[in-house]
C-alpha atoms as a PDB file:
ATOM      1  CA  MET A   1     -99.416  95.215 -73.492  1.00  0.00           C
ATOM      2  CA  GLU A   2     -95.683  96.026 -73.259  1.00  0.00           C
ATOM      3  CA  LEU A   3     -96.223  99.359 -75.011  1.00  0.00           C
ATOM      4  CA  LEU A   4     -98.979 100.324 -72.549  1.00  0.00           C
ATOM      5  CA  LEU A   5     -96.803  99.405 -69.559  1.00  0.00           C
ATOM      6  CA  ILE A   6     -93.753 101.365 -70.673  1.00  0.00           C
ATOM      7  CA  SER A   7     -95.903 104.335 -71.771  1.00  0.00           C
ATOM      8  CA  LEU A   8     -97.502 104.617 -68.322  1.00  0.00           C
ATOM      9  CA  ALA A   9     -94.079 104.224 -66.706  1.00  0.00           C
ATOM     10  CA  SER A  10     -92.687 106.917 -68.996  1.00  0.00           C
ATOM     11  CA  LEU A  11     -95.555 109.247 -68.043  1.00  0.00           C
ATOM     12  CA  PHE A  12     -94.891 108.834 -64.315  1.00  0.00           C
ATOM     13  CA  ALA A  13     -91.132 109.013 -64.825  1.00  0.00           C
ATOM     14  CA  GLY A  14     -91.512 112.319 -66.663  1.00  0.00           C
ATOM     15  CA  PHE A  15     -93.638 113.660 -63.810  1.00  0.00           C
ATOM     16  CA  VAL A  16     -91.093 112.780 -61.111  1.00  0.00           C
ATOM     17  CA  ASP A  17     -88.031 113.646 -63.162  1.00  0.00           C
ATOM     18  CA  SER A  18     -89.319 117.119 -64.031  1.00  0.00           C
ATOM     19  CA  ILE A  19     -89.457 118.044 -60.345  1.00  0.00           C
ATOM     20  CA  VAL A  20     -86.392 116.501 -58.710  1.00  0.00           C
ATOM     21  CA  GLY A  21     -84.912 113.910 -61.063  1.00  0.00           C
ATOM     22  CA  GLY A  22     -85.011 110.169 -60.482  1.00  0.00           C
ATOM     23  CA  GLY A  23     -87.238 109.267 -63.419  1.00  0.00           C
ATOM     24  CA  GLY A  24     -84.920 106.413 -64.337  1.00  0.00           C
ATOM     25  CA  LEU A  25     -85.857 104.797 -61.032  1.00  0.00           C
ATOM     26  CA  ILE A  26     -89.306 104.227 -62.563  1.00  0.00           C
ATOM     27  CA  LEU A  27     -88.766 103.778 -66.287  1.00  0.00           C
ATOM     28  CA  VAL A  28     -85.660 101.565 -66.345  1.00  0.00           C
ATOM     29  CA  PRO A  29     -87.165  98.821 -64.114  1.00  0.00           C
ATOM     30  CA  ALA A  30     -90.359  98.972 -66.199  1.00  0.00           C
ATOM     31  CA  LEU A  31     -88.356  98.400 -69.384  1.00  0.00           C
ATOM     32  CA  PHE A  32     -86.519  95.460 -67.824  1.00  0.00           C
ATOM     33  CA  ALA A  33     -89.839  93.988 -66.662  1.00  0.00           C
ATOM     34  CA  ALA A  34     -91.461  94.405 -70.089  1.00  0.00           C
ATOM     35  CA  PHE A  35     -88.473  93.095 -72.054  1.00  0.00           C
ATOM     36  CA  PRO A  36     -86.510  90.723 -69.778  1.00  0.00           C
ATOM     37  CA  ALA A  37     -84.584  89.144 -72.662  1.00  0.00           C
ATOM     38  CA  ALA A  38     -83.381  92.430 -74.181  1.00  0.00           C
ATOM     39  CA  ALA A  39     -79.793  93.653 -73.969  1.00  0.00           C
ATOM     40  CA  PRO A  40     -79.387  96.099 -71.036  1.00  0.00           C
ATOM     41  CA  ALA A  41     -77.642  98.664 -73.250  1.00  0.00           C
ATOM     42  CA  THR A  42     -80.682  98.717 -75.560  1.00  0.00           C
ATOM     43  CA  LEU A  43     -83.032  99.321 -72.647  1.00  0.00           C
ATOM     44  CA  PHE A  44     -80.811 102.076 -71.245  1.00  0.00           C
ATOM     45  CA  GLY A  45     -80.645 103.709 -74.662  1.00  0.00           C
ATOM     46  CA  THR A  46     -84.413 103.489 -75.131  1.00  0.00           C
ATOM     47  CA  ASN A  47     -84.891 105.036 -71.688  1.00  0.00           C
ATOM     48  CA  LYS A  48     -82.673 107.985 -72.650  1.00  0.00           C
ATOM     49  CA  SER A  49     -84.522 108.410 -75.953  1.00  0.00           C
ATOM     50  CA  ALA A  50     -87.709 109.157 -73.996  1.00  0.00           C
ATOM     51  CA  SER A  51     -86.388 110.936 -70.901  1.00  0.00           C
ATOM     52  CA  VAL A  52     -84.331 113.475 -72.825  1.00  0.00           C
ATOM     53  CA  TRP A  53     -87.528 114.969 -74.283  1.00  0.00           C
ATOM     54  CA  GLY A  54     -89.289 115.287 -70.942  1.00  0.00           C
ATOM     55  CA  THR A  55     -86.219 116.930 -69.432  1.00  0.00           C
ATOM     56  CA  ALA A  56     -85.996 119.353 -72.359  1.00  0.00           C
ATOM     57  CA  VAL A  57     -89.641 120.366 -71.971  1.00  0.00           C
ATOM     58  CA  ALA A  58     -89.206 120.816 -68.209  1.00  0.00           C
ATOM     59  CA  THR A  59     -86.183 123.046 -68.873  1.00  0.00           C
ATOM     60  CA  VAL A  60     -88.237 125.268 -71.171  1.00  0.00           C
ATOM     61  CA  GLN A  61     -91.151 125.442 -68.725  1.00  0.00           C
ATOM     62  CA  PHE A  62     -88.914 126.350 -65.790  1.00  0.00           C
ATOM     63  CA  SER A  63     -87.073 128.992 -67.842  1.00  0.00           C
ATOM     64  CA  ARG A  64     -90.351 130.842 -68.423  1.00  0.00           C
ATOM     65  CA  ARG A  65     -91.120 131.212 -64.723  1.00  0.00           C
ATOM     66  CA  VAL A  66     -87.782 130.933 -62.901  1.00  0.00           C
ATOM     67  CA  SER A  67     -84.770 133.179 -63.409  1.00  0.00           C
ATOM     68  CA  ILE A  68     -82.089 130.895 -64.859  1.00  0.00           C
ATOM     69  CA  PRO A  69     -78.488 132.222 -64.912  1.00  0.00           C
ATOM     70  CA  TRP A  70     -77.729 131.380 -68.529  1.00  0.00           C
ATOM     71  CA  ARG A  71     -74.229 132.897 -68.412  1.00  0.00           C
ATOM     72  CA  VAL A  72     -73.431 130.464 -65.612  1.00  0.00           C
ATOM     73  CA  LEU A  73     -75.203 127.417 -67.011  1.00  0.00           C
ATOM     74  CA  ALA A  74     -74.297 127.697 -70.714  1.00  0.00           C
ATOM     75  CA  PRO A  75     -70.633 126.694 -70.201  1.00  0.00           C
ATOM     76  CA  ALA A  76     -71.734 124.198 -67.542  1.00  0.00           C
ATOM     77  CA  ALA A  77     -74.059 122.568 -70.089  1.00  0.00           C
ATOM     78  CA  LEU A  78     -71.109 121.964 -72.414  1.00  0.00           C
ATOM     79  CA  THR A  79     -68.987 120.429 -69.659  1.00  0.00           C
ATOM     80  CA  ALA A  80     -71.962 118.255 -68.650  1.00  0.00           C
ATOM     81  CA  LEU A  81     -72.143 116.923 -72.207  1.00  0.00           C
ATOM     82  CA  ALA A  82     -68.394 116.303 -72.305  1.00  0.00           C
ATOM     83  CA  GLY A  83     -68.490 114.591 -68.908  1.00  0.00           C
ATOM     84  CA  ALA A  84     -71.328 112.286 -69.968  1.00  0.00           C
ATOM     85  CA  LEU A  85     -69.498 111.224 -73.113  1.00  0.00           C
ATOM     86  CA  LEU A  86     -66.314 110.579 -71.121  1.00  0.00           C
ATOM     87  CA  GLY A  87     -68.249 108.632 -68.495  1.00  0.00           C
ATOM     88  CA  ALA A  88     -70.034 106.524 -71.104  1.00  0.00           C
ATOM     89  CA  TRP A  89     -66.677 105.708 -72.716  1.00  0.00           C
ATOM     90  CA  SER A  90     -65.101 104.911 -69.327  1.00  0.00           C
ATOM     91  CA  VAL A  91     -67.798 102.427 -68.385  1.00  0.00           C
ATOM     92  CA  THR A  92     -66.649 100.296 -71.303  1.00  0.00           C
ATOM     93  CA  ARG A  93     -63.191 100.141 -69.684  1.00  0.00           C
ATOM     94  CA  VAL A  94     -63.843 100.021 -65.930  1.00  0.00           C
ATOM     95  CA  HIS A  95     -66.485  98.215 -63.877  1.00  0.00           C
ATOM     96  CA  GLY A  96     -68.575 100.276 -61.453  1.00  0.00           C
ATOM     97  CA  ASP A  97     -69.138  97.588 -58.800  1.00  0.00           C
ATOM     98  CA  ALA A  98     -67.451  99.553 -55.992  1.00  0.00           C
ATOM     99  CA  LEU A  99     -69.521 102.631 -56.790  1.00  0.00           C
ATOM    100  CA  ARG A 100     -72.689 100.524 -56.813  1.00  0.00           C
ATOM    101  CA  LYS A 101     -72.090  99.542 -53.176  1.00  0.00           C
ATOM    102  CA  LEU A 102     -71.055 103.044 -52.106  1.00  0.00           C
ATOM    103  CA  LEU A 103     -73.971 104.872 -53.712  1.00  0.00           C
ATOM    104  CA  PRO A 104     -76.692 104.023 -51.111  1.00  0.00           C
ATOM    105  CA  LEU A 105     -74.427 105.314 -48.325  1.00  0.00           C
ATOM    106  CA  ILE A 106     -73.772 108.571 -50.183  1.00  0.00           C
ATOM    107  CA  LEU A 107     -77.485 109.046 -50.780  1.00  0.00           C
ATOM    108  CA  LEU A 108     -78.250 108.292 -47.132  1.00  0.00           C
ATOM    109  CA  ALA A 109     -75.770 110.959 -45.988  1.00  0.00           C
ATOM    110  CA  LEU A 110     -77.365 113.416 -48.416  1.00  0.00           C
ATOM    111  CA  LEU A 111     -80.862 112.625 -47.098  1.00  0.00           C
ATOM    112  CA  VAL A 112     -79.872 112.917 -43.427  1.00  0.00           C
ATOM    113  CA  TYR A 113     -78.184 116.261 -44.054  1.00  0.00           C
ATOM    114  CA  THR A 114     -81.283 117.582 -45.842  1.00  0.00           C
ATOM    115  CA  LEU A 115     -83.594 116.444 -43.034  1.00  0.00           C
ATOM    116  CA  VAL A 116     -81.383 117.894 -40.284  1.00  0.00           C
ATOM    117  CA  ARG A 117     -80.957 121.228 -42.050  1.00  0.00           C
ATOM    118  CA  LYS A 118     -84.625 122.143 -42.269  1.00  0.00           C
ATOM    119  CA  ASP A 119     -83.790 125.574 -43.673  1.00  0.00           C
ATOM    120  CA  LEU A 120     -81.677 124.107 -46.477  1.00  0.00           C
ATOM    121  CA  GLY A 121     -82.793 125.310 -49.889  1.00  0.00           C
ATOM    122  CA  ARG A 122     -85.651 127.487 -48.685  1.00  0.00           C
ATOM    123  CA  GLN A 123     -83.968 130.792 -49.538  1.00  0.00           C
ATOM    124  CA  HIS A 124     -82.371 131.656 -52.857  1.00  0.00           C
ATOM    125  CA  ALA A 125     -79.071 133.331 -51.951  1.00  0.00           C
ATOM    126  CA  PRO A 126     -76.287 132.432 -54.420  1.00  0.00           C
ATOM    127  CA  ARG A 127     -72.891 132.383 -52.706  1.00  0.00           C
ATOM    128  CA  LEU A 128     -70.847 133.087 -55.841  1.00  0.00           C
ATOM    129  CA  ALA A 129     -71.160 135.446 -58.789  1.00  0.00           C
ATOM    130  CA  GLY A 130     -69.687 136.020 -62.241  1.00  0.00           C
ATOM    131  CA  HIS A 131     -66.800 133.854 -63.372  1.00  0.00           C
ATOM    132  CA  ALA A 132     -66.491 132.140 -59.988  1.00  0.00           C
ATOM    133  CA  GLU A 133     -70.083 130.882 -60.162  1.00  0.00           C
ATOM    134  CA  ALA A 134     -69.687 129.805 -63.797  1.00  0.00           C
ATOM    135  CA  LEU A 135     -66.464 127.944 -62.986  1.00  0.00           C
ATOM    136  CA  ALA A 136     -68.028 126.185 -59.983  1.00  0.00           C
ATOM    137  CA  ALA A 137     -71.124 125.202 -61.990  1.00  0.00           C
ATOM    138  CA  SER A 138     -68.950 123.882 -64.831  1.00  0.00           C
ATOM    139  CA  GLY A 139     -66.931 121.771 -62.399  1.00  0.00           C
ATOM    140  CA  ILE A 140     -70.111 120.345 -60.881  1.00  0.00           C
ATOM    141  CA  ALA A 141     -71.534 119.652 -64.346  1.00  0.00           C
ATOM    142  CA  LEU A 142     -68.370 117.904 -65.530  1.00  0.00           C
ATOM    143  CA  ALA A 143     -68.236 115.635 -62.484  1.00  0.00           C
ATOM    144  CA  LEU A 144     -71.950 114.775 -62.483  1.00  0.00           C
ATOM    145  CA  GLY A 145     -71.956 114.448 -66.269  1.00  0.00           C
ATOM    146  CA  PHE A 146     -69.200 111.858 -65.982  1.00  0.00           C
ATOM    147  CA  TYR A 147     -71.161 110.085 -63.234  1.00  0.00           C
ATOM    148  CA  ASP A 148     -74.326 110.028 -65.355  1.00  0.00           C
ATOM    149  CA  GLY A 149     -72.503 108.539 -68.321  1.00  0.00           C
ATOM    150  CA  PHE A 150     -70.592 106.062 -66.167  1.00  0.00           C
ATOM    151  CA  PHE A 151     -73.302 104.948 -63.740  1.00  0.00           C
ATOM    152  CA  GLY A 152     -76.327 107.251 -63.602  1.00  0.00           C
ATOM    153  CA  PRO A 153     -78.804 106.690 -60.739  1.00  0.00           C
ATOM    154  CA  GLY A 154     -79.723 109.876 -58.898  1.00  0.00           C
ATOM    155  CA  THR A 155     -77.877 112.325 -61.171  1.00  0.00           C
ATOM    156  CA  GLY A 156     -80.690 114.891 -61.097  1.00  0.00           C
ATOM    157  CA  SER A 157     -81.008 114.635 -57.321  1.00  0.00           C
ATOM    158  CA  PHE A 158     -77.244 115.025 -56.839  1.00  0.00           C
ATOM    159  CA  LEU A 159     -77.258 118.118 -59.060  1.00  0.00           C
ATOM    160  CA  ILE A 160     -80.085 119.687 -57.064  1.00  0.00           C
ATOM    161  CA  PHE A 161     -78.425 118.986 -53.712  1.00  0.00           C
ATOM    162  CA  ILE A 162     -75.049 120.384 -54.787  1.00  0.00           C
ATOM    163  CA  PHE A 163     -76.599 123.527 -56.266  1.00  0.00           C
ATOM    164  CA  VAL A 164     -78.488 124.039 -53.009  1.00  0.00           C
ATOM    165  CA  ARG A 165     -75.651 123.199 -50.610  1.00  0.00           C
ATOM    166  CA  TRP A 166     -72.613 124.637 -52.413  1.00  0.00           C
ATOM    167  CA  LEU A 167     -74.008 127.419 -54.601  1.00  0.00           C
ATOM    168  CA  GLY A 168     -76.761 128.648 -52.266  1.00  0.00           C
ATOM    169  CA  TYR A 169     -79.741 128.127 -54.604  1.00  0.00           C
ATOM    170  CA  ASP A 170     -83.200 127.339 -53.289  1.00  0.00           C
ATOM    171  CA  PHE A 171     -84.755 124.021 -54.302  1.00  0.00           C
ATOM    172  CA  LEU A 172     -86.841 125.553 -57.093  1.00  0.00           C
ATOM    173  CA  HIS A 173     -83.926 127.370 -58.787  1.00  0.00           C
ATOM    174  CA  ALA A 174     -81.684 124.333 -58.230  1.00  0.00           C
ATOM    175  CA  SER A 175     -84.251 122.070 -59.872  1.00  0.00           C
ATOM    176  CA  ALA A 176     -84.554 124.411 -62.851  1.00  0.00           C
ATOM    177  CA  SER A 177     -80.764 124.542 -63.257  1.00  0.00           C
ATOM    178  CA  ALA A 178     -80.419 120.779 -62.836  1.00  0.00           C
ATOM    179  CA  LYS A 179     -82.906 120.192 -65.654  1.00  0.00           C
ATOM    180  CA  LEU A 180     -80.715 121.955 -68.207  1.00  0.00           C
ATOM    181  CA  LEU A 181     -77.559 120.114 -67.150  1.00  0.00           C
ATOM    182  CA  ASN A 182     -79.346 116.768 -66.887  1.00  0.00           C
ATOM    183  CA  MET A 183     -80.729 117.291 -70.396  1.00  0.00           C
ATOM    184  CA  MET A 184     -77.174 117.672 -71.698  1.00  0.00           C
ATOM    185  CA  THR A 185     -75.938 114.563 -69.882  1.00  0.00           C
ATOM    186  CA  ASN A 186     -78.879 112.663 -71.381  1.00  0.00           C
ATOM    187  CA  ILE A 187     -77.974 113.924 -74.856  1.00  0.00           C
ATOM    188  CA  GLY A 188     -74.374 112.795 -74.389  1.00  0.00           C
ATOM    189  CA  ALA A 189     -75.426 109.289 -73.356  1.00  0.00           C
ATOM    190  CA  LEU A 190     -78.098 109.190 -76.080  1.00  0.00           C
ATOM    191  CA  LEU A 191     -75.543 110.016 -78.778  1.00  0.00           C
ATOM    192  CA  LEU A 192     -73.351 107.126 -77.703  1.00  0.00           C
ATOM    193  CA  PHE A 193     -76.257 104.650 -77.513  1.00  0.00           C
ATOM    194  CA  ALA A 194     -77.545 105.783 -80.927  1.00  0.00           C
ATOM    195  CA  LEU A 195     -74.124 105.366 -82.545  1.00  0.00           C
ATOM    196  CA  LYS A 196     -73.904 101.862 -81.084  1.00  0.00           C
ATOM    197  CA  GLY A 197     -77.432 100.982 -82.315  1.00  0.00           C
ATOM    198  CA  HIS A 198     -78.844 100.516 -78.813  1.00  0.00           C
ATOM    199  CA  ILE A 199     -82.186 102.326 -79.224  1.00  0.00           C
ATOM    200  CA  TRP A 200     -85.585 100.885 -80.129  1.00  0.00           C
ATOM    201  CA  TRP A 201     -86.891 103.793 -82.183  1.00  0.00           C
ATOM    202  CA  ARG A 202     -90.273 102.084 -82.679  1.00  0.00           C
ATOM    203  CA  TYR A 203     -90.995 102.574 -78.963  1.00  0.00           C
ATOM    204  CA  ALA A 204     -89.109 105.833 -78.494  1.00  0.00           C
ATOM    205  CA  ALA A 205     -91.720 108.171 -80.040  1.00  0.00           C
ATOM    206  CA  VAL A 206     -94.655 106.887 -77.960  1.00  0.00           C
ATOM    207  CA  MET A 207     -92.576 106.896 -74.777  1.00  0.00           C
ATOM    208  CA  ALA A 208     -91.358 110.426 -75.526  1.00  0.00           C
ATOM    209  CA  VAL A 209     -94.921 111.753 -75.838  1.00  0.00           C
ATOM    210  CA  ALA A 210     -95.866 110.128 -72.531  1.00  0.00           C
ATOM    211  CA  ASN A 211     -92.721 111.458 -70.854  1.00  0.00           C
ATOM    212  CA  ILE A 212     -93.403 114.986 -72.084  1.00  0.00           C
ATOM    213  CA  SER A 213     -96.984 114.818 -70.760  1.00  0.00           C
ATOM    214  CA  GLY A 214     -95.766 113.788 -67.318  1.00  0.00           C
ATOM    215  CA  SER A 215     -93.054 116.427 -67.407  1.00  0.00           C
ATOM    216  CA  LEU A 216     -95.556 119.203 -68.158  1.00  0.00           C
ATOM    217  CA  LEU A 217     -97.735 118.160 -65.230  1.00  0.00           C
ATOM    218  CA  GLY A 218     -94.807 117.869 -62.825  1.00  0.00           C
ATOM    219  CA  THR A 219     -93.329 121.230 -63.828  1.00  0.00           C
ATOM    220  CA  ARG A 220     -96.654 122.992 -63.354  1.00  0.00           C
ATOM    221  CA  LEU A 221     -97.061 121.527 -59.872  1.00  0.00           C
ATOM    222  CA  ALA A 222     -93.501 122.502 -58.919  1.00  0.00           C
ATOM    223  CA  LEU A 223     -93.987 126.076 -60.117  1.00  0.00           C
ATOM    224  CA  LYS A 224     -97.398 126.325 -58.478  1.00  0.00           C
ATOM    225  CA  HIS A 225     -96.426 124.967 -55.053  1.00  0.00           C
ATOM    226  CA  GLY A 226     -92.860 126.248 -54.925  1.00  0.00           C
ATOM    227  CA  VAL A 227     -89.839 125.422 -52.786  1.00  0.00           C
ATOM    228  CA  GLY A 228     -91.598 123.389 -50.083  1.00  0.00           C
ATOM    229  CA  PHE A 229     -93.175 121.036 -52.607  1.00  0.00           C
ATOM    230  CA  VAL A 230     -89.894 120.483 -54.460  1.00  0.00           C
ATOM    231  CA  ARG A 231     -88.066 119.849 -51.167  1.00  0.00           C
ATOM    232  CA  GLY A 232     -90.684 117.259 -50.148  1.00  0.00           C
ATOM    233  CA  MET A 233     -90.444 115.506 -53.518  1.00  0.00           C
ATOM    234  CA  PHE A 234     -86.656 115.579 -53.259  1.00  0.00           C
ATOM    235  CA  ILE A 235     -86.758 113.804 -49.891  1.00  0.00           C
ATOM    236  CA  ALA A 236     -89.225 111.209 -51.205  1.00  0.00           C
ATOM    237  CA  VAL A 237     -87.221 110.462 -54.361  1.00  0.00           C
ATOM    238  CA  VAL A 238     -83.885 110.250 -52.545  1.00  0.00           C
ATOM    239  CA  THR A 239     -85.440 107.831 -50.026  1.00  0.00           C
ATOM    240  CA  ALA A 240     -86.675 105.661 -52.892  1.00  0.00           C
ATOM    241  CA  LEU A 241     -83.244 105.836 -54.534  1.00  0.00           C
ATOM    242  CA  ILE A 242     -81.593 104.664 -51.304  1.00  0.00           C
ATOM    243  CA  LEU A 243     -83.879 101.642 -51.098  1.00  0.00           C
ATOM    244  CA  LYS A 244     -83.491 100.770 -54.796  1.00  0.00           C
ATOM    245  CA  THR A 245     -79.715 101.182 -54.973  1.00  0.00           C
ATOM    246  CA  ALA A 246     -79.188  99.321 -51.682  1.00  0.00           C
ATOM    247  CA  TYR A 247     -81.277  96.420 -52.967  1.00  0.00           C
ATOM    248  CA  ASP A 248     -79.351  96.343 -56.259  1.00  0.00           C
ATOM    249  CA  ALA A 249     -75.973  96.529 -54.504  1.00  0.00           C
ATOM    250  CA  PHE A 250     -76.410  94.118 -51.609  1.00  0.00           C
ATOM    251  CA  TRP A 251     -79.391  91.802 -52.075  1.00  0.00           C
ATOM    252  CA  ARG A 252     -80.084  91.369 -55.772  1.00  0.00           C
END
């Protein structure tokens, strides 16, 4: 019964995550519900072992239909990996309680800004080029990679928003770019969890297949329906993240 529950959750998480991120909002609570006595680190590691595959597949699917600036994102992918490893190491030294309480407010500001600026992310008009764009993307990737390793919730959504707001991407190109960087942050965290023995490999393969299936469906819908669909999903996922993180921070 537990395997069926987490497989269905992994399927839906892959679907949502492939479009705008936020798959952990679905899969992590499902793992905690299915295995309430398990160590949190093991559940987080098992989550990464499934989600990294769905994100990788989404990256490949987007790259076939959306123009991805590889010269910009290749160095950013490396800094994302480094940031995730540094963040994962830091969380063993510093508690993230203050960030937990601040996160819902940050997400709320992000949501309000997106709703007010109705034209935000509808046109793809990069503001930077060449080395300047690569440097900006690497800085974003390092910071969000650290955040993903240290804390995590909403990393994909933050990446999309920053690529839209600061770099001038539309939501579709931002989502495609975020997938690559989020895949690298997942790999960084996964490496650490694997080295520490915090992954249930017996569940990982089944969850990975389900996550990939959801990711394929979500990517196809995003590519088919375009910017407006991705923007709508972004608003929905960020709203859910606000509710979930606020509950965890103030009422749990």
